[in-house]
Amino acid sequence: MTRYVDGFVIPVPKKKLATYLRMARRAAAIWREHGALDFKECTAEQLDPGAGLPFPRGIRARPGETIVFSWIGYESRAHRDRVNANVMRDPRMTELCRPDALPFDARRMLWGGFKVSVA
């Protein structure tokens, strides 16, 4: 059961979205191989909810960018820490995460770890 989640919001240039999704599929396989329970990548479809602060405005999306909302599920924070330590040592991830190879600006990625409160 997923009890801890790493969540991400990433502005991705639309012209690089296919590249991003290929990278994400490879990363998902690596994370699952190292024990992640779930790995989801969601591409924005409806971004003007009519209330609240829309993702594009909150993350200051630039023209030509779309928003990707992602999460990775774990048993607990300790499980997340173990999985992530193994993922970050995996040479396949080292290759995927080369700064010159990323199809988005990692400095603009929002990230956080969350304890699941309602399931």
Protein backbone atom coordinates (compact mmCIF):
# COMPACT_ATOMS: atom_id res chain seq x y z
CA MET A 1 0.00 0.00 0.00
CA THR A 2 1.26 3.47 -0.89
CA ARG A 3 1.78 5.51 2.27
CA TYR A 4 4.35 8.01 1.04
CA VAL A 5 4.57 9.92 -2.23
CA ASP A 6 7.15 12.08 -3.96
CA GLY A 7 5.27 14.67 -6.03
CA PHE A 8 6.53 16.81 -8.90
CA VAL A 9 5.21 19.66 -11.06
CA ILE A 10 7.36 20.33 -14.10
CA PRO A 11 6.97 22.87 -16.92
CA VAL A 12 8.02 21.09 -20.11
CA PRO A 13 8.38 22.72 -23.54
CA LYS A 14 5.65 21.24 -25.74
CA LYS A 15 8.18 20.59 -28.49
CA LYS A 16 10.16 18.40 -26.03
CA LEU A 17 7.21 16.58 -24.46
CA ALA A 18 7.71 13.36 -26.47
CA THR A 19 11.38 13.30 -25.42
CA TYR A 20 10.38 13.91 -21.80
CA LEU A 21 7.86 11.06 -21.86
CA ARG A 22 10.43 8.64 -23.35
CA MET A 23 12.80 9.61 -20.54
CA ALA A 24 10.01 9.19 -17.96
CA ARG A 25 9.17 5.69 -19.21
CA ARG A 26 12.80 4.66 -18.76
CA ALA A 27 12.93 6.29 -15.31
CA ALA A 28 9.67 4.56 -14.29
CA ALA A 29 11.15 1.15 -15.09
CA ILE A 30 14.25 1.94 -13.04
CA TRP A 31 12.26 3.22 -10.05
CA ARG A 32 9.97 0.17 -10.10
CA GLU A 33 12.96 -2.15 -10.42
CA HIS A 34 14.36 -0.61 -7.24
CA GLY A 35 11.07 -1.03 -5.38
CA ALA A 36 8.77 1.94 -6.03
CA LEU A 37 5.13 0.88 -5.77
CA ASP A 38 3.77 3.34 -8.31
CA PHE A 39 5.08 5.85 -10.85
CA LYS A 40 2.75 8.21 -12.70
CA GLU A 41 3.36 10.97 -15.25
CA CYS A 42 0.33 13.12 -16.07
CA THR A 43 0.28 15.68 -18.87
CA ALA A 44 -1.89 18.77 -18.46
CA GLU A 45 -5.21 18.70 -20.23
CA GLN A 46 -7.49 21.16 -18.43
CA LEU A 47 -5.61 24.02 -16.80
CA ASP A 48 -8.23 26.70 -16.29
CA PRO A 49 -10.28 25.33 -13.38
CA GLY A 50 -12.17 28.57 -12.84
CA ALA A 51 -11.08 28.77 -9.21
CA GLY A 52 -7.82 28.84 -7.35
CA LEU A 53 -4.39 29.32 -8.87
CA PRO A 54 -3.92 27.37 -12.13
CA PHE A 55 -0.68 25.37 -12.39
CA PRO A 56 0.70 27.38 -15.35
CA ARG A 57 0.40 30.64 -13.46
CA GLY A 58 1.67 29.17 -10.20
CA ILE A 59 4.80 27.73 -11.82
CA ARG A 60 5.13 30.70 -14.20
CA ALA A 61 4.90 28.58 -17.32
CA ARG A 62 6.31 30.24 -20.39
CA PRO A 63 4.63 30.36 -23.79
CA GLY A 64 5.00 26.99 -25.51
CA GLU A 65 5.24 25.01 -22.24
CA THR A 66 2.85 22.45 -20.80
CA ILE A 67 2.67 21.14 -17.26
CA VAL A 68 3.51 17.61 -16.16
CA PHE A 69 2.29 16.45 -12.75
CA SER A 70 4.02 13.33 -11.49
CA TRP A 71 4.25 11.13 -8.46
CA ILE A 72 6.07 8.07 -7.22
CA GLY A 73 4.53 5.90 -4.49
CA TYR A 74 6.29 4.11 -1.65
CA GLU A 75 5.47 2.07 1.48
CA SER A 76 6.91 4.74 3.79
CA ARG A 77 9.41 7.57 3.92
CA ALA A 78 12.14 5.11 4.94
CA HIS A 79 11.24 2.94 1.95
CA ARG A 80 11.39 6.04 -0.29
CA ASP A 81 14.82 6.92 1.07
CA ARG A 82 16.14 3.40 0.34
CA VAL A 83 14.62 3.26 -3.15
CA ASN A 84 15.88 6.74 -4.07
CA ALA A 85 19.38 6.00 -2.80
CA ASN A 86 19.52 2.93 -5.05
CA VAL A 87 18.00 4.80 -8.01
CA MET A 88 20.52 7.63 -7.70
CA ARG A 89 23.40 5.12 -7.73
CA ASP A 90 22.04 3.38 -10.82
CA PRO A 91 24.21 4.26 -13.85
CA ARG A 92 21.13 4.33 -16.09
CA MET A 93 19.74 7.21 -14.02
CA THR A 94 23.07 8.99 -14.09
CA GLU A 95 22.84 8.91 -17.89
CA LEU A 96 19.16 9.99 -17.95
CA CYS A 97 19.76 12.91 -15.58
CA ARG A 98 22.71 14.52 -17.32
CA PRO A 99 21.88 18.25 -17.22
CA ASP A 100 22.57 18.63 -20.95
CA ALA A 101 20.18 15.73 -21.72
CA LEU A 102 17.13 16.90 -19.74
CA PRO A 103 14.22 18.08 -21.92
CA PHE A 104 13.18 20.61 -19.27
CA ASP A 105 14.75 23.13 -16.89
CA ALA A 106 15.27 21.15 -13.65
CA ARG A 107 15.69 24.40 -11.69
CA ARG A 108 12.00 25.11 -12.30
CA MET A 109 10.76 21.70 -11.15
CA LEU A 110 8.66 21.71 -7.98
CA TRP A 111 9.21 18.69 -5.75
CA GLY A 112 8.22 17.43 -2.32
CA GLY A 113 7.75 14.31 -0.23
CA PHE A 114 4.27 13.71 1.18
CA LYS A 115 2.83 11.37 3.78
CA VAL A 116 -0.47 9.95 2.49
CA SER A 117 -3.20 11.22 4.83
CA VAL A 118 -6.33 9.91 3.10
CA ALA A 119 -6.39 6.86 0.85
